[in-house]
Amino acid sequence: MAAFLLKRLAQAVFVVMVVTLIVSVAVRMTGDPAMMIAQGATDITEADLERIREGLGLNEPFLSQYLATLSGLFTWDFGRSFLGGTPVSTLIGNALPATLLLAFTSLLVSIILSIPLGIRAAIRRGKWEDQLIRILSLVGLSFPNFWLATMLVLLFSITLQWLPPSGMNGIASFVMPAVTMGVILTATNVRLVRTAMLDVMQSQYIMVARAKGLSERTVLYKHALRNCAIPLITFLGLQFGGLLGGIVVVERVFNWPGMGSLAFDAVAGRDYPVLQSVIMILSTLIVLVNLLVDIAYGLIDPRIRTE
């Protein structure tokens, strides 16, 4: 098991280094921060722009800037924002918990809905319940997240006035953002659970479990569902990455104070330190989640870690 973990950890470190390098190069193609800072000023000269760039550290060699950015992952020191001068670590420290909380809440909503619905669709294969669940999942896949978020705000905040339209103030403010992301994830996960359960239910050990007189609930949730865990865990790990990417739009709609809103403002202001730090941290989180998925493989199925 130790060799398995070391191998996966080495792969994760390599991926993070590659991602940080790509991000550092890409953000410098978005424009000149000095021009953004000097925007609106009169009689600005090239010498003035050069002084701004020097003050921001943009005249240093790219390798030095990249190594400083990379070291920020270990020291939690990402420099200061170009626009406000606030330490980037402070901005991220305020935004990251909000994003992670929303992402995990959305994932939890999806798991709670998709597993029972997927199992129900599998055991009622071909019946009206199966058809209804499959139709609803297809409809859910067709909803763009920004459209669904807007419709929820119009219905529950403006028309019914049941929920707050924006911000992060109490449990009620989580409902619409989490449902927006969770419904779209559920639409995919229901089909995955249904397909995996149909395959497992034809297995011989399921027939043996039933022959022993075990209850149908025990057969479904203890034996069948456990053997569906690997494809489900794989997809949930991939979905977490998709959540962090798609959550940017949802955070803007609901004015959620998370990493998506922070990245959006950084792009608009060409704030290199904030933008590249946000992307690197989110990328690192995705890599770590996939590392945990690999470890979960080894715990669930010993054959995987042996290979």
C-alpha atoms as a PDB file:
ATOM      1  CA  MET A   1       0.000   0.000   0.000  1.00  0.00           C
ATOM      2  CA  ALA A   2       2.882   2.395   0.772  1.00  0.00           C
ATOM      3  CA  ALA A   3       4.352   2.001  -2.733  1.00  0.00           C
ATOM      4  CA  PHE A   4       0.918   2.588  -4.220  1.00  0.00           C
ATOM      5  CA  LEU A   5       0.491   5.829  -2.244  1.00  0.00           C
ATOM      6  CA  LEU A   6       3.994   7.100  -3.064  1.00  0.00           C
ATOM      7  CA  LYS A   7       3.462   6.502  -6.771  1.00  0.00           C
ATOM      8  CA  ARG A   8       0.142   8.359  -6.791  1.00  0.00           C
ATOM      9  CA  LEU A   9       1.601  11.209  -4.708  1.00  0.00           C
ATOM     10  CA  ALA A  10       4.536  11.648  -7.107  1.00  0.00           C
ATOM     11  CA  GLN A  11       2.122  11.819 -10.038  1.00  0.00           C
ATOM     12  CA  ALA A  12       0.022  14.423  -8.213  1.00  0.00           C
ATOM     13  CA  VAL A  13       3.069  16.645  -7.501  1.00  0.00           C
ATOM     14  CA  PHE A  14       4.129  16.469 -11.160  1.00  0.00           C
ATOM     15  CA  VAL A  15       0.659  17.438 -12.375  1.00  0.00           C
ATOM     16  CA  VAL A  16       0.500  20.399  -9.977  1.00  0.00           C
ATOM     17  CA  MET A  17       3.871  21.687 -11.230  1.00  0.00           C
ATOM     18  CA  VAL A  18       2.775  21.418 -14.863  1.00  0.00           C
ATOM     19  CA  VAL A  19      -0.512  23.179 -14.140  1.00  0.00           C
ATOM     20  CA  THR A  20       1.188  26.024 -12.264  1.00  0.00           C
ATOM     21  CA  LEU A  21       3.593  26.535 -15.186  1.00  0.00           C
ATOM     22  CA  ILE A  22       0.771  26.641 -17.746  1.00  0.00           C
ATOM     23  CA  VAL A  23      -1.238  29.035 -15.588  1.00  0.00           C
ATOM     24  CA  SER A  24       1.729  31.373 -15.081  1.00  0.00           C
ATOM     25  CA  VAL A  25       2.261  31.577 -18.845  1.00  0.00           C
ATOM     26  CA  ALA A  26      -1.428  31.887 -19.717  1.00  0.00           C
ATOM     27  CA  VAL A  27      -2.283  34.726 -17.329  1.00  0.00           C
ATOM     28  CA  ARG A  28       0.452  36.870 -18.874  1.00  0.00           C
ATOM     29  CA  MET A  29      -1.358  36.659 -22.197  1.00  0.00           C
ATOM     30  CA  THR A  30      -4.469  38.394 -20.830  1.00  0.00           C
ATOM     31  CA  GLY A  31      -3.056  41.909 -21.050  1.00  0.00           C
ATOM     32  CA  ASP A  32      -0.866  44.447 -19.300  1.00  0.00           C
ATOM     33  CA  PRO A  33      -1.857  45.208 -15.677  1.00  0.00           C
ATOM     34  CA  ALA A  34       0.001  48.504 -15.853  1.00  0.00           C
ATOM     35  CA  MET A  35      -2.372  49.694 -18.576  1.00  0.00           C
ATOM     36  CA  MET A  36      -5.349  48.686 -16.444  1.00  0.00           C
ATOM     37  CA  ILE A  37      -4.009  50.525 -13.385  1.00  0.00           C
ATOM     38  CA  ALA A  38      -3.226  53.633 -15.453  1.00  0.00           C
ATOM     39  CA  GLN A  39      -6.596  53.533 -17.196  1.00  0.00           C
ATOM     40  CA  GLY A  40      -8.328  56.898 -16.934  1.00  0.00           C
ATOM     41  CA  ALA A  41      -5.138  58.778 -16.063  1.00  0.00           C
ATOM     42  CA  THR A  42      -4.188  61.673 -18.318  1.00  0.00           C
ATOM     43  CA  ASP A  43      -0.758  62.343 -19.785  1.00  0.00           C
ATOM     44  CA  ILE A  44       0.511  58.859 -18.943  1.00  0.00           C
ATOM     45  CA  THR A  45       3.842  58.065 -20.563  1.00  0.00           C
ATOM     46  CA  GLU A  46       5.677  54.858 -21.299  1.00  0.00           C
ATOM     47  CA  ALA A  47       8.140  55.723 -18.542  1.00  0.00           C
ATOM     48  CA  ASP A  48       5.250  55.921 -16.095  1.00  0.00           C
ATOM     49  CA  LEU A  49       3.991  52.514 -17.255  1.00  0.00           C
ATOM     50  CA  GLU A  50       7.481  51.102 -16.852  1.00  0.00           C
ATOM     51  CA  ARG A  51       7.663  52.350 -13.275  1.00  0.00           C
ATOM     52  CA  ILE A  52       4.317  50.725 -12.539  1.00  0.00           C
ATOM     53  CA  ARG A  53       5.532  47.411 -13.993  1.00  0.00           C
ATOM     54  CA  GLU A  54       8.716  47.629 -11.929  1.00  0.00           C
ATOM     55  CA  GLY A  55       6.714  48.314  -8.787  1.00  0.00           C
ATOM     56  CA  LEU A  56       4.548  45.264  -9.497  1.00  0.00           C
ATOM     57  CA  GLY A  57       7.580  43.044 -10.093  1.00  0.00           C
ATOM     58  CA  LEU A  58       6.674  42.361 -13.729  1.00  0.00           C
ATOM     59  CA  ASN A  59      10.176  43.222 -14.941  1.00  0.00           C
ATOM     60  CA  GLU A  60      11.716  40.289 -13.105  1.00  0.00           C
ATOM     61  CA  PRO A  61      12.634  37.167 -15.116  1.00  0.00           C
ATOM     62  CA  PHE A  62       9.717  34.840 -15.739  1.00  0.00           C
ATOM     63  CA  LEU A  63      11.449  31.962 -13.936  1.00  0.00           C
ATOM     64  CA  SER A  64      11.780  34.049 -10.775  1.00  0.00           C
ATOM     65  CA  GLN A  65       8.111  35.016 -10.929  1.00  0.00           C
ATOM     66  CA  TYR A  66       7.096  31.393 -11.523  1.00  0.00           C
ATOM     67  CA  LEU A  67       9.171  30.049  -8.623  1.00  0.00           C
ATOM     68  CA  ALA A  68       7.728  32.722  -6.335  1.00  0.00           C
ATOM     69  CA  THR A  69       4.226  31.712  -7.382  1.00  0.00           C
ATOM     70  CA  LEU A  70       4.992  28.023  -6.909  1.00  0.00           C
ATOM     71  CA  SER A  71       6.441  28.603  -3.457  1.00  0.00           C
ATOM     72  CA  GLY A  72       3.178  30.282  -2.495  1.00  0.00           C
ATOM     73  CA  LEU A  73       1.491  26.873  -2.474  1.00  0.00           C
ATOM     74  CA  PHE A  74       3.786  25.805   0.367  1.00  0.00           C
ATOM     75  CA  THR A  75       4.200  29.092   2.256  1.00  0.00           C
ATOM     76  CA  TRP A  76       0.688  30.501   1.679  1.00  0.00           C
ATOM     77  CA  ASP A  77       2.266  33.764   0.507  1.00  0.00           C
ATOM     78  CA  PHE A  78       1.029  34.705  -2.968  1.00  0.00           C
ATOM     79  CA  GLY A  79       2.056  38.340  -2.891  1.00  0.00           C
ATOM     80  CA  ARG A  80      -0.348  41.255  -3.035  1.00  0.00           C
ATOM     81  CA  SER A  81      -3.197  42.152  -5.323  1.00  0.00           C
ATOM     82  CA  PHE A  82      -2.221  44.569  -8.086  1.00  0.00           C
ATOM     83  CA  LEU A  83      -5.438  46.546  -7.688  1.00  0.00           C
ATOM     84  CA  GLY A  84      -6.055  46.882  -3.958  1.00  0.00           C
ATOM     85  CA  GLY A  85      -2.724  45.901  -2.452  1.00  0.00           C
ATOM     86  CA  THR A  86      -4.452  43.359  -0.204  1.00  0.00           C
ATOM     87  CA  PRO A  87      -2.465  40.150   0.446  1.00  0.00           C
ATOM     88  CA  VAL A  88      -3.724  37.496  -1.944  1.00  0.00           C
ATOM     89  CA  SER A  89      -3.636  34.904   0.836  1.00  0.00           C
ATOM     90  CA  THR A  90      -6.196  37.004   2.741  1.00  0.00           C
ATOM     91  CA  LEU A  91      -8.510  37.211  -0.272  1.00  0.00           C
ATOM     92  CA  ILE A  92      -8.253  33.473  -0.875  1.00  0.00           C
ATOM     93  CA  GLY A  93      -8.639  32.682   2.804  1.00  0.00           C
ATOM     94  CA  ASN A  94     -11.968  34.519   2.771  1.00  0.00           C
ATOM     95  CA  ALA A  95     -13.220  33.069  -0.533  1.00  0.00           C
ATOM     96  CA  LEU A  96     -12.030  29.446  -0.461  1.00  0.00           C
ATOM     97  CA  PRO A  97     -14.212  28.210   2.447  1.00  0.00           C
ATOM     98  CA  ALA A  98     -17.329  29.627   0.768  1.00  0.00           C
ATOM     99  CA  THR A  99     -16.568  27.844  -2.506  1.00  0.00           C
ATOM    100  CA  LEU A 100     -15.699  24.525  -0.879  1.00  0.00           C
ATOM    101  CA  LEU A 101     -18.782  24.653   1.316  1.00  0.00           C
ATOM    102  CA  LEU A 102     -21.011  25.293  -1.692  1.00  0.00           C
ATOM    103  CA  ALA A 103     -19.275  22.595  -3.766  1.00  0.00           C
ATOM    104  CA  PHE A 104     -19.592  19.913  -1.081  1.00  0.00           C
ATOM    105  CA  THR A 105     -23.194  20.891  -0.354  1.00  0.00           C
ATOM    106  CA  SER A 106     -24.040  20.567  -4.054  1.00  0.00           C
ATOM    107  CA  LEU A 107     -22.290  17.206  -4.226  1.00  0.00           C
ATOM    108  CA  LEU A 108     -24.147  16.030  -1.123  1.00  0.00           C
ATOM    109  CA  VAL A 109     -27.479  17.065  -2.670  1.00  0.00           C
ATOM    110  CA  SER A 110     -26.594  15.058  -5.764  1.00  0.00           C
ATOM    111  CA  ILE A 111     -25.626  11.934  -3.789  1.00  0.00           C
ATOM    112  CA  ILE A 112     -28.760  12.054  -1.635  1.00  0.00           C
ATOM    113  CA  LEU A 113     -30.979  12.310  -4.713  1.00  0.00           C
ATOM    114  CA  SER A 114     -29.166  10.182  -7.289  1.00  0.00           C
ATOM    115  CA  ILE A 115     -28.489   6.973  -5.341  1.00  0.00           C
ATOM    116  CA  PRO A 116     -32.100   6.218  -4.309  1.00  0.00           C
ATOM    117  CA  LEU A 117     -33.464   7.333  -7.701  1.00  0.00           C
ATOM    118  CA  GLY A 118     -30.857   5.319  -9.615  1.00  0.00           C
ATOM    119  CA  ILE A 119     -31.541   2.182  -7.568  1.00  0.00           C
ATOM    120  CA  ARG A 120     -35.294   2.661  -7.963  1.00  0.00           C
ATOM    121  CA  ALA A 121     -34.934   3.025 -11.721  1.00  0.00           C
ATOM    122  CA  ALA A 122     -32.820  -0.143 -11.877  1.00  0.00           C
ATOM    123  CA  ILE A 123     -35.153  -2.375  -9.859  1.00  0.00           C
ATOM    124  CA  ARG A 124     -38.176  -1.030 -11.758  1.00  0.00           C
ATOM    125  CA  ARG A 125     -36.518  -1.382 -15.136  1.00  0.00           C
ATOM    126  CA  GLY A 126     -38.942  -0.812 -18.001  1.00  0.00           C
ATOM    127  CA  LYS A 127     -41.758   0.278 -15.686  1.00  0.00           C
ATOM    128  CA  TRP A 128     -43.307   3.750 -15.579  1.00  0.00           C
ATOM    129  CA  GLU A 129     -41.093   4.780 -12.643  1.00  0.00           C
ATOM    130  CA  ASP A 130     -37.970   3.929 -14.594  1.00  0.00           C
ATOM    131  CA  GLN A 131     -39.220   5.849 -17.623  1.00  0.00           C
ATOM    132  CA  LEU A 132     -40.137   8.882 -15.508  1.00  0.00           C
ATOM    133  CA  ILE A 133     -36.768   8.990 -13.735  1.00  0.00           C
ATOM    134  CA  ARG A 134     -34.891   8.688 -17.039  1.00  0.00           C
ATOM    135  CA  ILE A 135     -36.965  11.476 -18.621  1.00  0.00           C
ATOM    136  CA  LEU A 136     -36.393  13.754 -15.632  1.00  0.00           C
ATOM    137  CA  SER A 137     -32.644  13.065 -15.726  1.00  0.00           C
ATOM    138  CA  LEU A 138     -32.553  13.948 -19.428  1.00  0.00           C
ATOM    139  CA  VAL A 139     -34.431  17.183 -18.722  1.00  0.00           C
ATOM    140  CA  GLY A 140     -31.974  17.974 -15.912  1.00  0.00           C
ATOM    141  CA  LEU A 141     -29.028  17.492 -18.256  1.00  0.00           C
ATOM    142  CA  SER A 142     -30.547  20.014 -20.650  1.00  0.00           C
ATOM    143  CA  PHE A 143     -30.581  22.878 -18.131  1.00  0.00           C
ATOM    144  CA  PRO A 144     -27.653  25.335 -18.367  1.00  0.00           C
ATOM    145  CA  ASN A 145     -26.638  26.193 -14.814  1.00  0.00           C
ATOM    146  CA  PHE A 146     -26.932  29.960 -15.331  1.00  0.00           C
ATOM    147  CA  TRP A 147     -30.491  29.582 -16.699  1.00  0.00           C
ATOM    148  CA  LEU A 148     -31.599  27.340 -13.843  1.00  0.00           C
ATOM    149  CA  ALA A 149     -30.029  29.715 -11.309  1.00  0.00           C
ATOM    150  CA  THR A 150     -31.854  32.680 -12.843  1.00  0.00           C
ATOM    151  CA  MET A 151     -35.191  30.846 -12.877  1.00  0.00           C
ATOM    152  CA  LEU A 152     -34.810  29.868  -9.212  1.00  0.00           C
ATOM    153  CA  VAL A 153     -34.109  33.469  -8.262  1.00  0.00           C
ATOM    154  CA  LEU A 154     -37.155  34.686 -10.197  1.00  0.00           C
ATOM    155  CA  LEU A 155     -39.413  32.059  -8.620  1.00  0.00           C
ATOM    156  CA  PHE A 156     -38.275  31.729  -5.009  1.00  0.00           C
ATOM    157  CA  SER A 157     -36.815  35.187  -4.366  1.00  0.00           C
ATOM    158  CA  ILE A 158     -38.777  37.638  -6.489  1.00  0.00           C
ATOM    159  CA  THR A 159     -42.165  35.934  -6.920  1.00  0.00           C
ATOM    160  CA  LEU A 160     -42.581  33.881  -3.734  1.00  0.00           C
ATOM    161  CA  GLN A 161     -40.003  35.757  -1.608  1.00  0.00           C
ATOM    162  CA  TRP A 162     -39.097  32.591   0.272  1.00  0.00           C
ATOM    163  CA  LEU A 163     -35.320  32.684  -0.120  1.00  0.00           C
ATOM    164  CA  PRO A 164     -32.651  35.417  -0.234  1.00  0.00           C
ATOM    165  CA  PRO A 165     -31.657  36.216  -3.832  1.00  0.00           C
ATOM    166  CA  SER A 166     -27.926  36.601  -3.204  1.00  0.00           C
ATOM    167  CA  GLY A 167     -25.128  36.579  -0.697  1.00  0.00           C
ATOM    168  CA  MET A 168     -24.066  34.098   1.956  1.00  0.00           C
ATOM    169  CA  ASN A 169     -26.246  34.774   4.983  1.00  0.00           C
ATOM    170  CA  GLY A 170     -27.450  31.704   6.862  1.00  0.00           C
ATOM    171  CA  ILE A 171     -28.642  28.283   5.758  1.00  0.00           C
ATOM    172  CA  ALA A 172     -31.403  29.658   3.521  1.00  0.00           C
ATOM    173  CA  SER A 173     -28.839  31.281   1.220  1.00  0.00           C
ATOM    174  CA  PHE A 174     -27.368  27.835   0.439  1.00  0.00           C
ATOM    175  CA  VAL A 175     -30.584  26.380  -0.925  1.00  0.00           C
ATOM    176  CA  MET A 176     -30.746  27.833  -4.427  1.00  0.00           C
ATOM    177  CA  PRO A 177     -26.999  27.661  -5.298  1.00  0.00           C
ATOM    178  CA  ALA A 178     -26.732  24.076  -3.974  1.00  0.00           C
ATOM    179  CA  VAL A 179     -29.898  22.976  -5.762  1.00  0.00           C
ATOM    180  CA  THR A 180     -28.741  24.623  -8.999  1.00  0.00           C
ATOM    181  CA  MET A 181     -25.508  22.639  -9.043  1.00  0.00           C
ATOM    182  CA  GLY A 182     -26.944  19.534  -7.373  1.00  0.00           C
ATOM    183  CA  VAL A 183     -29.816  19.035  -9.823  1.00  0.00           C
ATOM    184  CA  ILE A 184     -27.485  19.098 -12.814  1.00  0.00           C
ATOM    185  CA  LEU A 185     -25.111  16.621 -11.143  1.00  0.00           C
ATOM    186  CA  THR A 186     -28.023  14.393 -10.137  1.00  0.00           C
ATOM    187  CA  ALA A 187     -29.202  14.135 -13.739  1.00  0.00           C
ATOM    188  CA  THR A 188     -25.915  12.454 -14.683  1.00  0.00           C
ATOM    189  CA  ASN A 189     -25.425  10.413 -11.519  1.00  0.00           C
ATOM    190  CA  VAL A 190     -28.894   8.828 -11.698  1.00  0.00           C
ATOM    191  CA  ARG A 191     -28.102   7.330 -15.090  1.00  0.00           C
ATOM    192  CA  LEU A 192     -24.700   6.136 -13.859  1.00  0.00           C
ATOM    193  CA  VAL A 193     -26.137   4.455 -10.748  1.00  0.00           C
ATOM    194  CA  ARG A 194     -28.929   2.861 -12.788  1.00  0.00           C
ATOM    195  CA  THR A 195     -26.525   1.401 -15.374  1.00  0.00           C
ATOM    196  CA  ALA A 196     -24.082   0.131 -12.739  1.00  0.00           C
ATOM    197  CA  MET A 197     -26.875  -1.441 -10.682  1.00  0.00           C
ATOM    198  CA  LEU A 198     -28.335  -3.203 -13.726  1.00  0.00           C
ATOM    199  CA  ASP A 199     -24.927  -4.785 -14.415  1.00  0.00           C
ATOM    200  CA  VAL A 200     -24.395  -5.809 -10.789  1.00  0.00           C
ATOM    201  CA  MET A 201     -27.886  -7.219 -10.284  1.00  0.00           C
ATOM    202  CA  GLN A 202     -27.173  -9.873 -12.922  1.00  0.00           C
ATOM    203  CA  SER A 203     -24.149 -11.148 -10.985  1.00  0.00           C
ATOM    204  CA  GLN A 204     -24.106 -14.588  -9.417  1.00  0.00           C
ATOM    205  CA  TYR A 205     -23.269 -13.387  -5.909  1.00  0.00           C
ATOM    206  CA  ILE A 206     -26.487 -11.322  -5.896  1.00  0.00           C
ATOM    207  CA  MET A 207     -28.498 -14.464  -6.625  1.00  0.00           C
ATOM    208  CA  VAL A 208     -26.603 -16.267  -3.856  1.00  0.00           C
ATOM    209  CA  ALA A 209     -27.356 -13.441  -1.406  1.00  0.00           C
ATOM    210  CA  ARG A 210     -31.038 -13.662  -2.249  1.00  0.00           C
ATOM    211  CA  ALA A 211     -30.961 -17.448  -1.943  1.00  0.00           C
ATOM    212  CA  LYS A 212     -29.624 -17.067   1.592  1.00  0.00           C
ATOM    213  CA  GLY A 213     -32.815 -15.235   2.488  1.00  0.00           C
ATOM    214  CA  LEU A 214     -31.295 -11.771   2.909  1.00  0.00           C
ATOM    215  CA  SER A 215     -33.725  -8.882   2.716  1.00  0.00           C
ATOM    216  CA  GLU A 216     -33.940  -7.004  -0.566  1.00  0.00           C
ATOM    217  CA  ARG A 217     -32.720  -3.840   1.167  1.00  0.00           C
ATOM    218  CA  THR A 218     -29.584  -5.635   2.384  1.00  0.00           C
ATOM    219  CA  VAL A 219     -28.952  -7.109  -1.059  1.00  0.00           C
ATOM    220  CA  LEU A 220     -29.320  -3.736  -2.752  1.00  0.00           C
ATOM    221  CA  TYR A 221     -27.483  -1.428  -0.358  1.00  0.00           C
ATOM    222  CA  LYS A 222     -24.873  -3.724   1.214  1.00  0.00           C
ATOM    223  CA  HIS A 223     -23.911  -6.007  -1.661  1.00  0.00           C
ATOM    224  CA  ALA A 224     -24.980  -4.451  -4.963  1.00  0.00           C
ATOM    225  CA  LEU A 225     -24.324  -0.789  -4.170  1.00  0.00           C
ATOM    226  CA  ARG A 226     -20.871  -1.486  -2.753  1.00  0.00           C
ATOM    227  CA  ASN A 227     -19.800  -3.065  -6.021  1.00  0.00           C
ATOM    228  CA  CYS A 228     -21.097  -0.009  -7.886  1.00  0.00           C
ATOM    229  CA  ALA A 229     -18.863   2.208  -5.754  1.00  0.00           C
ATOM    230  CA  ILE A 230     -15.789   2.336  -8.011  1.00  0.00           C
ATOM    231  CA  PRO A 231     -17.454   3.871 -11.103  1.00  0.00           C
ATOM    232  CA  LEU A 232     -19.519   6.147  -8.857  1.00  0.00           C
ATOM    233  CA  ILE A 233     -16.473   7.360  -6.895  1.00  0.00           C
ATOM    234  CA  THR A 234     -14.609   7.920 -10.165  1.00  0.00           C
ATOM    235  CA  PHE A 235     -17.352  10.069 -11.560  1.00  0.00           C
ATOM    236  CA  LEU A 236     -17.846  12.003  -8.319  1.00  0.00           C
ATOM    237  CA  GLY A 237     -14.141  12.849  -8.343  1.00  0.00           C
ATOM    238  CA  LEU A 238     -14.412  14.117 -11.909  1.00  0.00           C
ATOM    239  CA  GLN A 239     -17.581  16.004 -11.050  1.00  0.00           C
ATOM    240  CA  PHE A 240     -15.825  17.834  -8.252  1.00  0.00           C
ATOM    241  CA  GLY A 241     -13.474  19.321 -10.830  1.00  0.00           C
ATOM    242  CA  GLY A 242     -16.438  20.253 -12.988  1.00  0.00           C
ATOM    243  CA  LEU A 243     -18.096  21.805  -9.944  1.00  0.00           C
ATOM    244  CA  LEU A 244     -15.149  24.078  -9.291  1.00  0.00           C
ATOM    245  CA  GLY A 245     -15.158  25.143 -12.930  1.00  0.00           C
ATOM    246  CA  GLY A 246     -18.897  25.616 -13.334  1.00  0.00           C
ATOM    247  CA  ILE A 247     -19.386  27.220  -9.950  1.00  0.00           C
ATOM    248  CA  VAL A 248     -17.919  30.489 -11.269  1.00  0.00           C
ATOM    249  CA  VAL A 249     -21.121  31.291 -13.168  1.00  0.00           C
ATOM    250  CA  VAL A 250     -23.385  30.245 -10.292  1.00  0.00           C
ATOM    251  CA  GLU A 251     -21.411  32.377  -7.833  1.00  0.00           C
ATOM    252  CA  ARG A 252     -21.845  35.411 -10.076  1.00  0.00           C
ATOM    253  CA  VAL A 253     -25.590  34.884 -10.373  1.00  0.00           C
ATOM    254  CA  PHE A 254     -26.059  34.534  -6.612  1.00  0.00           C
ATOM    255  CA  ASN A 255     -23.319  37.026  -5.697  1.00  0.00           C
ATOM    256  CA  TRP A 256     -21.621  34.258  -3.718  1.00  0.00           C
ATOM    257  CA  PRO A 257     -18.365  35.434  -2.062  1.00  0.00           C
ATOM    258  CA  GLY A 258     -16.255  32.539  -3.341  1.00  0.00           C
ATOM    259  CA  MET A 259     -13.306  31.768  -5.582  1.00  0.00           C
ATOM    260  CA  GLY A 260     -15.386  32.121  -8.751  1.00  0.00           C
ATOM    261  CA  SER A 261     -16.307  35.717  -8.015  1.00  0.00           C
ATOM    262  CA  LEU A 262     -12.716  36.419  -7.006  1.00  0.00           C
ATOM    263  CA  ALA A 263     -11.392  34.983 -10.279  1.00  0.00           C
ATOM    264  CA  PHE A 264     -13.966  36.889 -12.332  1.00  0.00           C
ATOM    265  CA  ASP A 265     -12.935  40.210 -10.787  1.00  0.00           C
ATOM    266  CA  ALA A 266      -9.242  39.338 -11.244  1.00  0.00           C
ATOM    267  CA  VAL A 267      -9.760  38.655 -14.952  1.00  0.00           C
ATOM    268  CA  ALA A 268     -11.574  41.966 -15.398  1.00  0.00           C
ATOM    269  CA  GLY A 269      -8.742  43.821 -13.639  1.00  0.00           C
ATOM    270  CA  ARG A 270      -5.848  41.735 -15.028  1.00  0.00           C
ATOM    271  CA  ASP A 271      -4.814  41.052 -11.455  1.00  0.00           C
ATOM    272  CA  TYR A 272      -2.104  38.417 -12.119  1.00  0.00           C
ATOM    273  CA  PRO A 273      -1.338  37.368  -8.526  1.00  0.00           C
ATOM    274  CA  VAL A 274      -4.990  36.834  -7.633  1.00  0.00           C
ATOM    275  CA  LEU A 275      -5.943  35.096 -10.874  1.00  0.00           C
ATOM    276  CA  GLN A 276      -3.040  32.670 -11.038  1.00  0.00           C
ATOM    277  CA  SER A 277      -3.276  31.903  -7.317  1.00  0.00           C
ATOM    278  CA  VAL A 278      -6.997  31.122  -7.580  1.00  0.00           C
ATOM    279  CA  ILE A 279      -6.489  28.860 -10.592  1.00  0.00           C
ATOM    280  CA  MET A 280      -3.519  27.091  -9.019  1.00  0.00           C
ATOM    281  CA  ILE A 281      -5.329  26.417  -5.761  1.00  0.00           C
ATOM    282  CA  LEU A 282      -8.432  25.118  -7.521  1.00  0.00           C
ATOM    283  CA  SER A 283      -6.247  22.950  -9.784  1.00  0.00           C
ATOM    284  CA  THR A 284      -4.373  21.614  -6.772  1.00  0.00           C
ATOM    285  CA  LEU A 285      -7.667  20.776  -5.076  1.00  0.00           C
ATOM    286  CA  ILE A 286      -8.803  18.864  -8.157  1.00  0.00           C
ATOM    287  CA  VAL A 287      -5.524  16.919  -8.218  1.00  0.00           C
ATOM    288  CA  LEU A 288      -5.836  16.122  -4.511  1.00  0.00           C
ATOM    289  CA  VAL A 289      -9.421  14.922  -4.954  1.00  0.00           C
ATOM    290  CA  ASN A 290      -8.328  12.617  -7.764  1.00  0.00           C
ATOM    291  CA  LEU A 291      -5.500  11.382  -5.533  1.00  0.00           C
ATOM    292  CA  LEU A 292      -8.066  10.572  -2.838  1.00  0.00           C
ATOM    293  CA  VAL A 293     -10.141   8.773  -5.475  1.00  0.00           C
ATOM    294  CA  ASP A 294      -7.122   6.628  -6.378  1.00  0.00           C
ATOM    295  CA  ILE A 295      -6.558   5.843  -2.701  1.00  0.00           C
ATOM    296  CA  ALA A 296     -10.229   4.939  -2.328  1.00  0.00           C
ATOM    297  CA  TYR A 297      -9.818   2.526  -5.260  1.00  0.00           C
ATOM    298  CA  GLY A 298      -7.064   0.753  -3.399  1.00  0.00           C
ATOM    299  CA  LEU A 299      -9.099   0.526  -0.212  1.00  0.00           C
ATOM    300  CA  ILE A 300     -12.215  -0.774  -1.957  1.00  0.00           C
ATOM    301  CA  ASP A 301     -10.516  -3.161  -4.369  1.00  0.00           C
ATOM    302  CA  PRO A 302      -7.116  -4.615  -3.235  1.00  0.00           C
ATOM    303  CA  ARG A 303      -6.429  -5.802  -6.793  1.00  0.00           C
ATOM    304  CA  ILE A 304      -5.945  -2.196  -7.931  1.00  0.00           C
ATOM    305  CA  ARG A 305      -3.191  -1.355  -5.411  1.00  0.00           C
ATOM    306  CA  THR A 306      -1.512  -4.709  -6.159  1.00  0.00           C
ATOM    307  CA  GLU A 307      -1.315  -3.808  -9.839  1.00  0.00           C
END
